[in-house]
């Protein structure tokens, strides 16, 4: 067997150390890229949480707005329904007064006698008694 050349080993070690140094630099570069990417990802996740929270708030506000609008519409409907009932009752009362006035005789007309329903209907008018 022949003895290996020590210079060849030294040269080989230097070449491997240079290769190792080059790989270490690449590894550090990749670690830095990874770290930067992780920071960007964390920032994006934080932004997503903030946006999701704001979106939830807006959705809640929308639901509250719709509920308030529904209650207002319901209240307006109830008022109109009440107004309708009162108007209907007043028209029925007026219809009955008209029927009673139509049934009035000639002498009642001359003597200015009015039916009780007419007097009740016009109780606030001082000219009619």
C-alpha atoms as a PDB file:
ATOM      1  CA  UNK A   1       0.000   0.000   0.000  1.00  0.00           C
ATOM      2  CA  UNK A   2       1.061   3.425  -0.764  1.00  0.00           C
ATOM      3  CA  UNK A   3       1.011   6.211   1.696  1.00  0.00           C
ATOM      4  CA  UNK A   4      -1.573   8.966   0.864  1.00  0.00           C
ATOM      5  CA  UNK A   5      -0.225  12.392   0.189  1.00  0.00           C
ATOM      6  CA  UNK A   6      -0.788  14.720   3.212  1.00  0.00           C
ATOM      7  CA  UNK A   7      -0.941  17.768   0.938  1.00  0.00           C
ATOM      8  CA  UNK A   8      -3.766  16.131  -0.947  1.00  0.00           C
ATOM      9  CA  UNK A   9      -5.642  15.654   2.354  1.00  0.00           C
ATOM     10  CA  UNK A  10      -5.066  19.256   3.361  1.00  0.00           C
ATOM     11  CA  UNK A  11      -6.275  20.397  -0.014  1.00  0.00           C
ATOM     12  CA  UNK A  12      -9.309  18.148   0.229  1.00  0.00           C
ATOM     13  CA  UNK A  13     -10.060  19.437   3.765  1.00  0.00           C
ATOM     14  CA  UNK A  14      -9.780  23.051   2.607  1.00  0.00           C
ATOM     15  CA  UNK A  15     -12.113  22.334  -0.310  1.00  0.00           C
ATOM     16  CA  UNK A  16     -14.639  20.637   2.007  1.00  0.00           C
ATOM     17  CA  UNK A  17     -14.371  23.494   4.534  1.00  0.00           C
ATOM     18  CA  UNK A  18     -15.002  25.973   1.699  1.00  0.00           C
ATOM     19  CA  UNK A  19     -18.006  23.898   0.580  1.00  0.00           C
ATOM     20  CA  UNK A  20     -19.246  23.736   4.188  1.00  0.00           C
ATOM     21  CA  UNK A  21     -18.843  27.494   4.570  1.00  0.00           C
ATOM     22  CA  UNK A  22     -20.748  28.036   1.313  1.00  0.00           C
ATOM     23  CA  UNK A  23     -23.551  25.731   2.509  1.00  0.00           C
ATOM     24  CA  UNK A  24     -23.640  27.478   5.909  1.00  0.00           C
ATOM     25  CA  UNK A  25     -24.086  30.832   4.146  1.00  0.00           C
ATOM     26  CA  UNK A  26     -26.890  29.382   2.020  1.00  0.00           C
ATOM     27  CA  UNK A  27     -28.480  27.915   5.151  1.00  0.00           C
ATOM     28  CA  UNK A  28     -28.284  31.292   6.928  1.00  0.00           C
ATOM     29  CA  UNK A  29     -29.827  32.935   3.864  1.00  0.00           C
ATOM     30  CA  UNK A  30     -32.667  30.390   3.861  1.00  0.00           C
ATOM     31  CA  UNK A  31     -33.155  30.867   7.625  1.00  0.00           C
ATOM     32  CA  UNK A  32     -33.413  34.624   7.086  1.00  0.00           C
ATOM     33  CA  UNK A  33     -35.915  34.126   4.255  1.00  0.00           C
ATOM     34  CA  UNK A  34     -37.871  31.712   6.451  1.00  0.00           C
ATOM     35  CA  UNK A  35     -37.861  34.157   9.352  1.00  0.00           C
ATOM     36  CA  UNK A  36     -39.041  37.004   7.105  1.00  0.00           C
ATOM     37  CA  UNK A  37     -41.727  34.764   5.623  1.00  0.00           C
ATOM     38  CA  UNK A  38     -42.897  33.758   9.098  1.00  0.00           C
ATOM     39  CA  UNK A  39     -43.115  37.416  10.133  1.00  0.00           C
ATOM     40  CA  UNK A  40     -45.137  38.217   7.017  1.00  0.00           C
ATOM     41  CA  UNK A  41     -47.387  35.233   7.729  1.00  0.00           C
ATOM     42  CA  UNK A  42     -47.893  36.314  11.360  1.00  0.00           C
ATOM     43  CA  UNK A  43     -48.729  39.843  10.205  1.00  0.00           C
ATOM     44  CA  UNK A  44     -51.170  38.446   7.648  1.00  0.00           C
ATOM     45  CA  UNK A  45     -52.802  36.256  10.316  1.00  0.00           C
ATOM     46  CA  UNK A  46     -53.063  39.235  12.684  1.00  0.00           C
ATOM     47  CA  UNK A  47     -54.610  41.309   9.899  1.00  0.00           C
ATOM     48  CA  UNK A  48     -57.010  38.467   9.159  1.00  0.00           C
ATOM     49  CA  UNK A  49     -58.082  38.358  12.819  1.00  0.00           C
ATOM     50  CA  UNK A  50     -58.625  42.124  12.869  1.00  0.00           C
ATOM     51  CA  UNK A  51     -60.578  42.008   9.619  1.00  0.00           C
ATOM     52  CA  UNK A  52     -62.662  39.062  10.835  1.00  0.00           C
ATOM     53  CA  UNK A  53     -63.439  40.884  14.087  1.00  0.00           C
ATOM     54  CA  UNK A  54     -64.470  44.015  12.163  1.00  0.00           C
ATOM     55  CA  UNK A  55     -66.544  41.904   9.789  1.00  0.00           C
ATOM     56  CA  UNK A  56     -68.305  40.299  12.757  1.00  0.00           C
ATOM     57  CA  UNK A  57     -68.975  43.755  14.228  1.00  0.00           C
ATOM     58  CA  UNK A  58     -70.395  44.980  10.920  1.00  0.00           C
ATOM     59  CA  UNK A  59     -72.558  41.864  10.598  1.00  0.00           C
ATOM     60  CA  UNK A  60     -73.847  42.450  14.132  1.00  0.00           C
ATOM     61  CA  UNK A  61     -74.577  46.100  13.293  1.00  0.00           C
ATOM     62  CA  UNK A  62     -76.414  45.004  10.146  1.00  0.00           C
ATOM     63  CA  UNK A  63     -78.566  42.578  12.121  1.00  0.00           C
ATOM     64  CA  UNK A  64     -79.323  45.252  14.745  1.00  0.00           C
ATOM     65  CA  UNK A  65     -80.216  47.725  11.998  1.00  0.00           C
ATOM     66  CA  UNK A  66     -82.567  45.224  10.373  1.00  0.00           C
ATOM     67  CA  UNK A  67     -84.188  44.421  13.710  1.00  0.00           C
ATOM     68  CA  UNK A  68     -84.702  48.126  14.459  1.00  0.00           C
ATOM     69  CA  UNK A  69     -86.087  48.667  10.978  1.00  0.00           C
ATOM     70  CA  UNK A  70     -88.425  45.695  11.430  1.00  0.00           C
ATOM     71  CA  UNK A  71     -89.665  47.067  14.762  1.00  0.00           C
ATOM     72  CA  UNK A  72     -90.213  50.505  13.227  1.00  0.00           C
ATOM     73  CA  UNK A  73     -92.149  48.998  10.335  1.00  0.00           C
ATOM     74  CA  UNK A  74     -94.154  46.882  12.766  1.00  0.00           C
ATOM     75  CA  UNK A  75     -94.890  49.972  14.884  1.00  0.00           C
ATOM     76  CA  UNK A  76     -95.919  51.961  11.790  1.00  0.00           C
ATOM     77  CA  UNK A  77     -98.123  49.074  10.702  1.00  0.00           C
ATOM     78  CA  UNK A  78     -99.760  48.910  14.124  1.00  0.00           C
ATOM     79  CA  UNK A  79    -100.438  52.669  14.024  1.00  0.00           C
ATOM     80  CA  UNK A  80    -101.964  52.395  10.561  1.00  0.00           C
ATOM     81  CA  UNK A  81    -104.026  49.411  11.658  1.00  0.00           C
ATOM     82  CA  UNK A  82    -105.298  51.384  14.658  1.00  0.00           C
ATOM     83  CA  UNK A  83    -106.085  54.381  12.440  1.00  0.00           C
ATOM     84  CA  UNK A  84    -107.899  52.075  10.028  1.00  0.00           C
ATOM     85  CA  UNK A  85    -110.026  50.599  12.827  1.00  0.00           C
ATOM     86  CA  UNK A  86    -110.981  54.019  14.182  1.00  0.00           C
ATOM     87  CA  UNK A  87    -111.830  55.331  10.712  1.00  0.00           C
ATOM     88  CA  UNK A  88    -113.876  52.218  10.015  1.00  0.00           C
ATOM     89  CA  UNK A  89    -115.801  52.679  13.275  1.00  0.00           C
ATOM     90  CA  UNK A  90    -116.421  56.360  12.521  1.00  0.00           C
ATOM     91  CA  UNK A  91    -117.675  55.520   9.031  1.00  0.00           C
ATOM     92  CA  UNK A  92    -120.010  52.879  10.452  1.00  0.00           C
ATOM     93  CA  UNK A  93    -121.319  55.396  12.951  1.00  0.00           C
ATOM     94  CA  UNK A  94    -121.799  57.990  10.178  1.00  0.00           C
ATOM     95  CA  UNK A  95    -123.576  55.371   8.041  1.00  0.00           C
ATOM     96  CA  UNK A  96    -125.996  54.654  10.904  1.00  0.00           C
ATOM     97  CA  UNK A  97    -126.624  58.399  11.401  1.00  0.00           C
ATOM     98  CA  UNK A  98    -127.371  58.773   7.679  1.00  0.00           C
ATOM     99  CA  UNK A  99    -129.806  55.833   7.800  1.00  0.00           C
ATOM    100  CA  UNK A 100    -131.543  57.368  10.829  1.00  0.00           C
ATOM    101  CA  UNK A 101    -131.759  60.734   9.065  1.00  0.00           C
ATOM    102  CA  UNK A 102    -133.242  59.054   5.987  1.00  0.00           C
ATOM    103  CA  UNK A 103    -135.946  57.459   8.163  1.00  0.00           C
ATOM    104  CA  UNK A 104    -136.929  60.836   9.596  1.00  0.00           C
ATOM    105  CA  UNK A 105    -140.426  61.959   8.713  1.00  0.00           C
ATOM    106  CA  UNK A 106    -141.633  65.213   7.153  1.00  0.00           C
ATOM    107  CA  UNK A 107    -142.844  66.652  10.468  1.00  0.00           C
ATOM    108  CA  UNK A 108    -139.535  65.774  12.131  1.00  0.00           C
ATOM    109  CA  UNK A 109    -137.832  67.768   9.383  1.00  0.00           C
ATOM    110  CA  UNK A 110    -140.111  70.783   9.852  1.00  0.00           C
ATOM    111  CA  UNK A 111    -139.909  70.680  13.643  1.00  0.00           C
ATOM    112  CA  UNK A 112    -136.131  70.160  13.427  1.00  0.00           C
ATOM    113  CA  UNK A 113    -136.276  66.960  15.433  1.00  0.00           C
ATOM    114  CA  UNK A 114    -133.198  64.885  14.910  1.00  0.00           C
ATOM    115  CA  UNK A 115    -132.608  61.229  15.720  1.00  0.00           C
ATOM    116  CA  UNK A 116    -130.625  60.460  18.863  1.00  0.00           C
ATOM    117  CA  UNK A 117    -127.738  59.026  16.800  1.00  0.00           C
ATOM    118  CA  UNK A 118    -127.407  62.326  14.901  1.00  0.00           C
ATOM    119  CA  UNK A 119    -127.413  64.345  18.124  1.00  0.00           C
ATOM    120  CA  UNK A 120    -124.773  62.057  19.648  1.00  0.00           C
ATOM    121  CA  UNK A 121    -122.659  62.241  16.470  1.00  0.00           C
ATOM    122  CA  UNK A 122    -122.784  66.083  16.506  1.00  0.00           C
ATOM    123  CA  UNK A 123    -122.725  66.613  20.275  1.00  0.00           C
ATOM    124  CA  UNK A 124    -119.845  69.132  19.964  1.00  0.00           C
ATOM    125  CA  UNK A 125    -121.689  71.361  17.429  1.00  0.00           C
ATOM    126  CA  UNK A 126    -123.584  74.111  19.345  1.00  0.00           C
ATOM    127  CA  UNK A 127    -125.877  74.920  16.364  1.00  0.00           C
ATOM    128  CA  UNK A 128    -127.604  71.538  16.550  1.00  0.00           C
ATOM    129  CA  UNK A 129    -129.789  70.905  19.588  1.00  0.00           C
END
